């Protein structure tokens, strides 16, 4: 079983700003931050999946990817997941061009 999610890697030119934010937050929060080479935009967390399930997801994503167009997002603020009172993940709050939060 493997922990899986659907996401994309962050462009290299954006990573320095994220690392700068991680360094700032490390002054206030004891946490494990995502390594530079693993920074990503997560669309959906799938949970634990076996090899057969992973292959099925890959096939479906490859089919979807044939019609995929590029997109832009904007970052504004930080999101605490699952809540402010119980933080497991500190994420950037990402919006699409219509202002809809991801």
N, C-alpha and C. Protein backbone atom coordinates (compact mmCIF):
# COMPACT_ATOMS: atom_id res chain seq x y z
N UNK A 1 0.84 -1.18 0.00
CA UNK A 1 0.00 0.00 0.00
C UNK A 1 0.89 1.25 0.00
N UNK A 2 0.45 2.24 -0.76
CA UNK A 2 1.19 3.49 -0.92
C UNK A 2 0.24 4.66 -0.71
N UNK A 3 0.70 5.69 0.03
CA UNK A 3 -0.11 6.91 0.18
C UNK A 3 -0.09 7.65 -1.15
N UNK A 4 -1.26 7.96 -1.69
CA UNK A 4 -1.34 8.55 -3.02
C UNK A 4 -2.15 9.84 -3.04
N UNK A 5 -1.79 10.70 -3.98
CA UNK A 5 -2.56 11.90 -4.21
C UNK A 5 -2.41 12.27 -5.68
N UNK A 6 -3.33 13.11 -6.15
CA UNK A 6 -3.25 13.64 -7.50
C UNK A 6 -2.78 15.07 -7.38
N UNK A 7 -1.69 15.40 -8.06
CA UNK A 7 -1.14 16.73 -7.96
C UNK A 7 -0.15 17.00 -9.07
N UNK A 8 0.42 18.18 -9.03
CA UNK A 8 1.45 18.57 -9.98
C UNK A 8 2.61 19.20 -9.22
N UNK A 9 3.79 19.11 -9.80
CA UNK A 9 4.96 19.73 -9.19
C UNK A 9 4.91 21.24 -9.40
N UNK A 10 5.48 21.97 -8.47
CA UNK A 10 5.53 23.44 -8.53
C UNK A 10 6.66 23.86 -9.47
N UNK A 11 6.46 24.86 -10.31
CA UNK A 11 7.55 25.35 -11.18
C UNK A 11 8.75 25.84 -10.35
N UNK A 12 9.95 25.61 -10.86
CA UNK A 12 11.19 25.97 -10.16
C UNK A 12 11.25 27.44 -9.76
N UNK A 13 10.73 28.34 -10.61
CA UNK A 13 10.85 29.77 -10.32
C UNK A 13 10.01 30.21 -9.12
N UNK A 14 9.08 29.38 -8.69
CA UNK A 14 8.23 29.71 -7.54
C UNK A 14 8.79 29.16 -6.23
N UNK A 15 9.57 28.10 -6.33
CA UNK A 15 10.06 27.41 -5.14
C UNK A 15 10.83 28.29 -4.15
N UNK A 16 11.69 29.23 -4.59
CA UNK A 16 12.41 30.04 -3.60
C UNK A 16 11.49 30.81 -2.64
N UNK A 17 10.38 31.31 -3.13
CA UNK A 17 9.43 32.03 -2.27
C UNK A 17 8.79 31.09 -1.24
N UNK A 18 8.50 29.89 -1.67
CA UNK A 18 7.88 28.91 -0.76
C UNK A 18 8.89 28.50 0.31
N UNK A 19 10.13 28.28 -0.10
CA UNK A 19 11.18 27.92 0.87
C UNK A 19 11.39 29.07 1.86
N UNK A 20 11.34 30.30 1.37
CA UNK A 20 11.46 31.47 2.24
C UNK A 20 10.34 31.48 3.29
N UNK A 21 9.13 31.18 2.86
CA UNK A 21 7.99 31.11 3.78
C UNK A 21 8.18 29.98 4.78
N UNK A 22 8.64 28.82 4.31
CA UNK A 22 8.89 27.70 5.23
C UNK A 22 9.92 28.09 6.29
N UNK A 23 10.99 28.76 5.87
CA UNK A 23 12.02 29.19 6.82
C UNK A 23 11.45 30.15 7.86
N UNK A 24 10.59 31.06 7.42
CA UNK A 24 9.95 32.00 8.33
C UNK A 24 9.06 31.26 9.33
N UNK A 25 8.23 30.35 8.82
CA UNK A 25 7.31 29.60 9.69
C UNK A 25 8.04 28.71 10.68
N UNK A 26 9.24 28.23 10.29
CA UNK A 26 9.99 27.35 11.19
C UNK A 26 10.41 28.06 12.47
N UNK A 27 10.35 29.40 12.49
CA UNK A 27 10.64 30.16 13.71
C UNK A 27 9.50 30.06 14.72
N UNK A 28 8.32 29.67 14.26
CA UNK A 28 7.13 29.66 15.10
C UNK A 28 6.52 28.28 15.30
N UNK A 29 6.81 27.36 14.37
CA UNK A 29 6.16 26.06 14.37
C UNK A 29 7.22 24.97 14.24
N UNK A 30 7.13 23.97 15.12
CA UNK A 30 8.00 22.82 14.97
C UNK A 30 7.26 21.83 14.06
N UNK A 31 7.78 21.68 12.85
CA UNK A 31 7.09 20.84 11.87
C UNK A 31 8.08 20.32 10.85
N UNK A 32 7.66 19.29 10.13
CA UNK A 32 8.44 18.79 9.01
C UNK A 32 7.87 19.45 7.76
N UNK A 33 8.70 20.22 7.07
CA UNK A 33 8.25 20.89 5.86
C UNK A 33 8.60 20.05 4.64
N UNK A 34 7.81 20.20 3.59
CA UNK A 34 8.04 19.47 2.35
C UNK A 34 9.38 19.92 1.77
N UNK A 35 10.18 18.96 1.33
CA UNK A 35 11.47 19.25 0.73
C UNK A 35 11.27 19.97 -0.60
N UNK A 36 12.23 20.81 -0.95
CA UNK A 36 12.18 21.61 -2.17
C UNK A 36 11.81 20.77 -3.40
N UNK A 37 12.45 19.62 -3.54
CA UNK A 37 12.21 18.78 -4.73
C UNK A 37 10.84 18.12 -4.74
N UNK A 38 10.14 18.15 -3.60
CA UNK A 38 8.82 17.53 -3.51
C UNK A 38 7.67 18.53 -3.41
N UNK A 39 7.95 19.83 -3.52
CA UNK A 39 6.87 20.82 -3.45
C UNK A 39 5.87 20.56 -4.57
N UNK A 40 4.61 20.59 -4.21
CA UNK A 40 3.58 20.23 -5.19
C UNK A 40 2.26 20.94 -4.88
N UNK A 41 1.39 20.92 -5.85
CA UNK A 41 0.03 21.40 -5.71
C UNK A 41 -0.85 20.15 -5.71
N UNK A 42 -1.49 19.88 -4.59
CA UNK A 42 -2.30 18.66 -4.45
C UNK A 42 -3.75 18.97 -4.80
N UNK A 43 -4.28 18.20 -5.73
CA UNK A 43 -5.68 18.35 -6.11
C UNK A 43 -6.59 17.45 -5.29
N UNK A 44 -6.11 16.25 -4.99
CA UNK A 44 -6.93 15.31 -4.25
C UNK A 44 -6.05 14.27 -3.56
N UNK A 45 -6.30 14.05 -2.27
CA UNK A 45 -5.60 12.99 -1.55
C UNK A 45 -6.41 11.72 -1.70
N UNK A 46 -5.80 10.66 -2.17
CA UNK A 46 -6.50 9.40 -2.45
C UNK A 46 -6.40 8.39 -1.32
N UNK A 47 -5.46 8.60 -0.41
CA UNK A 47 -5.27 7.65 0.68
C UNK A 47 -4.37 6.50 0.28
N UNK A 48 -4.45 5.40 1.02
CA UNK A 48 -3.63 4.22 0.76
C UNK A 48 -4.19 3.44 -0.43
N UNK A 49 -3.33 3.14 -1.40
CA UNK A 49 -3.75 2.41 -2.60
C UNK A 49 -2.77 1.28 -2.88
N UNK A 50 -3.29 0.16 -3.41
CA UNK A 50 -2.41 -0.93 -3.82
C UNK A 50 -1.97 -0.72 -5.27
N UNK A 51 -1.08 -1.56 -5.77
CA UNK A 51 -0.52 -1.39 -7.12
C UNK A 51 -1.60 -1.40 -8.21
N UNK A 52 -2.58 -2.28 -8.08
CA UNK A 52 -3.65 -2.36 -9.08
C UNK A 52 -4.46 -1.06 -9.10
N UNK A 53 -4.79 -0.55 -7.93
CA UNK A 53 -5.53 0.71 -7.85
C UNK A 53 -4.73 1.87 -8.42
N UNK A 54 -3.42 1.88 -8.15
CA UNK A 54 -2.56 2.93 -8.68
C UNK A 54 -2.53 2.89 -10.20
N UNK A 55 -2.41 1.71 -10.77
CA UNK A 55 -2.40 1.58 -12.23
C UNK A 55 -3.71 2.06 -12.84
N UNK A 56 -4.82 1.77 -12.17
CA UNK A 56 -6.13 2.21 -12.64
C UNK A 56 -6.21 3.74 -12.64
N UNK A 57 -5.73 4.37 -11.57
CA UNK A 57 -5.73 5.83 -11.48
C UNK A 57 -4.83 6.41 -12.57
N UNK A 58 -3.65 5.83 -12.79
CA UNK A 58 -2.72 6.30 -13.82
C UNK A 58 -3.38 6.27 -15.20
N UNK A 59 -4.06 5.17 -15.51
CA UNK A 59 -4.74 5.05 -16.81
C UNK A 59 -5.77 6.15 -16.99
N UNK A 60 -6.57 6.38 -15.96
CA UNK A 60 -7.61 7.40 -16.05
C UNK A 60 -7.01 8.80 -16.18
N UNK A 61 -5.93 9.06 -15.43
CA UNK A 61 -5.28 10.38 -15.52
C UNK A 61 -4.64 10.58 -16.89
N UNK A 62 -4.06 9.54 -17.45
CA UNK A 62 -3.49 9.65 -18.80
C UNK A 62 -4.56 9.98 -19.83
N UNK A 63 -5.74 9.40 -19.66
CA UNK A 63 -6.86 9.69 -20.57
C UNK A 63 -7.31 11.14 -20.42
N UNK A 64 -7.45 11.59 -19.18
CA UNK A 64 -7.83 12.98 -18.91
C UNK A 64 -6.78 13.93 -19.46
N UNK A 65 -5.51 13.59 -19.28
CA UNK A 65 -4.40 14.44 -19.69
C UNK A 65 -4.35 14.74 -21.18
N UNK A 66 -4.97 13.91 -21.98
CA UNK A 66 -4.98 14.14 -23.43
C UNK A 66 -5.70 15.43 -23.79
N UNK A 67 -6.64 15.84 -22.97
CA UNK A 67 -7.42 17.06 -23.23
C UNK A 67 -7.10 18.17 -22.23
N UNK A 68 -6.00 18.03 -21.54
CA UNK A 68 -5.64 18.97 -20.47
C UNK A 68 -5.05 20.25 -21.04
N UNK A 69 -5.48 21.38 -20.51
CA UNK A 69 -4.94 22.67 -20.92
C UNK A 69 -4.21 23.30 -19.74
N UNK A 70 -3.25 24.16 -20.03
CA UNK A 70 -2.52 24.83 -18.95
C UNK A 70 -3.47 25.77 -18.19
N UNK A 71 -3.07 26.13 -16.99
CA UNK A 71 -3.90 27.02 -16.17
C UNK A 71 -2.99 27.82 -15.25
N UNK A 72 -3.52 28.89 -14.73
CA UNK A 72 -2.80 29.71 -13.77
C UNK A 72 -3.55 29.73 -12.46
N UNK A 73 -2.80 29.84 -11.38
CA UNK A 73 -3.41 29.98 -10.07
C UNK A 73 -2.75 31.15 -9.35
N UNK A 74 -3.43 31.65 -8.34
CA UNK A 74 -2.91 32.71 -7.50
C UNK A 74 -2.86 32.20 -6.07
N UNK A 75 -1.86 32.66 -5.33
CA UNK A 75 -1.70 32.25 -3.95
C UNK A 75 -1.99 33.46 -3.06
N UNK A 76 -2.84 33.24 -2.06
CA UNK A 76 -3.14 34.31 -1.12
C UNK A 76 -3.38 33.71 0.26
N UNK A 77 -2.39 33.84 1.10
CA UNK A 77 -2.54 33.40 2.48
C UNK A 77 -2.20 31.94 2.70
N UNK A 78 -2.43 31.54 3.94
CA UNK A 78 -2.11 30.19 4.39
C UNK A 78 -3.41 29.52 4.84
N UNK A 79 -3.47 28.23 4.59
CA UNK A 79 -4.63 27.43 4.98
C UNK A 79 -4.15 26.39 6.00
N UNK A 80 -4.87 26.24 7.12
CA UNK A 80 -4.55 25.24 8.13
C UNK A 80 -5.51 24.08 7.99
N UNK A 81 -4.96 22.89 7.83
CA UNK A 81 -5.78 21.71 7.54
C UNK A 81 -5.55 20.67 8.64
N UNK A 82 -6.57 20.06 9.22
CA UNK A 82 -7.98 20.19 8.92
C UNK A 82 -8.65 21.41 9.55
N UNK A 83 -8.03 22.01 10.62
CA UNK A 83 -8.64 23.19 11.22
C UNK A 83 -7.58 23.97 12.01
N UNK A 84 -7.95 25.16 12.44
CA UNK A 84 -7.03 25.98 13.24
C UNK A 84 -6.73 25.35 14.59
N UNK A 85 -7.68 24.62 15.14
CA UNK A 85 -7.47 24.03 16.45
C UNK A 85 -6.73 22.70 16.40
N UNK A 86 -6.65 22.08 15.22
CA UNK A 86 -5.92 20.82 15.05
C UNK A 86 -5.23 20.85 13.69
N UNK A 87 -3.99 21.32 13.68
CA UNK A 87 -3.26 21.52 12.44
C UNK A 87 -2.41 20.29 12.12
N UNK A 88 -2.65 19.70 10.96
CA UNK A 88 -1.82 18.60 10.46
C UNK A 88 -1.02 19.04 9.25
N UNK A 89 -1.58 20.03 8.53
CA UNK A 89 -0.94 20.50 7.30
C UNK A 89 -1.04 22.02 7.26
N UNK A 90 0.06 22.67 6.91
CA UNK A 90 0.05 24.10 6.63
C UNK A 90 0.21 24.21 5.12
N UNK A 91 -0.78 24.79 4.46
CA UNK A 91 -0.78 24.85 2.99
C UNK A 91 -0.97 26.29 2.53
N UNK A 92 -0.55 26.54 1.32
CA UNK A 92 -0.82 27.83 0.71
C UNK A 92 -2.26 27.82 0.21
N UNK A 93 -2.96 28.92 0.36
CA UNK A 93 -4.32 29.04 -0.13
C UNK A 93 -4.26 29.41 -1.61
N UNK A 94 -4.67 28.51 -2.47
CA UNK A 94 -4.54 28.65 -3.93
C UNK A 94 -5.91 28.91 -4.54
N UNK A 95 -5.95 29.87 -5.49
CA UNK A 95 -7.19 30.23 -6.17
C UNK A 95 -7.00 30.11 -7.68
N UNK A 96 -8.07 29.77 -8.37
CA UNK A 96 -8.00 29.80 -9.84
C UNK A 96 -8.27 31.21 -10.33
N UNK A 97 -8.28 31.41 -11.63
CA UNK A 97 -8.44 32.76 -12.19
C UNK A 97 -9.80 33.37 -11.89
N UNK A 98 -10.77 32.54 -11.49
CA UNK A 98 -12.10 33.05 -11.14
C UNK A 98 -12.20 33.39 -9.66
N UNK A 99 -11.12 33.15 -8.92
CA UNK A 99 -11.13 33.44 -7.48
C UNK A 99 -11.68 32.32 -6.64
N UNK A 100 -11.78 31.11 -7.20
CA UNK A 100 -12.31 29.96 -6.48
C UNK A 100 -11.15 29.25 -5.80
N UNK A 101 -11.28 29.01 -4.49
CA UNK A 101 -10.23 28.35 -3.71
C UNK A 101 -10.16 26.88 -4.08
N UNK A 102 -8.93 26.37 -4.15
CA UNK A 102 -8.70 24.95 -4.45
C UNK A 102 -8.75 24.14 -3.18
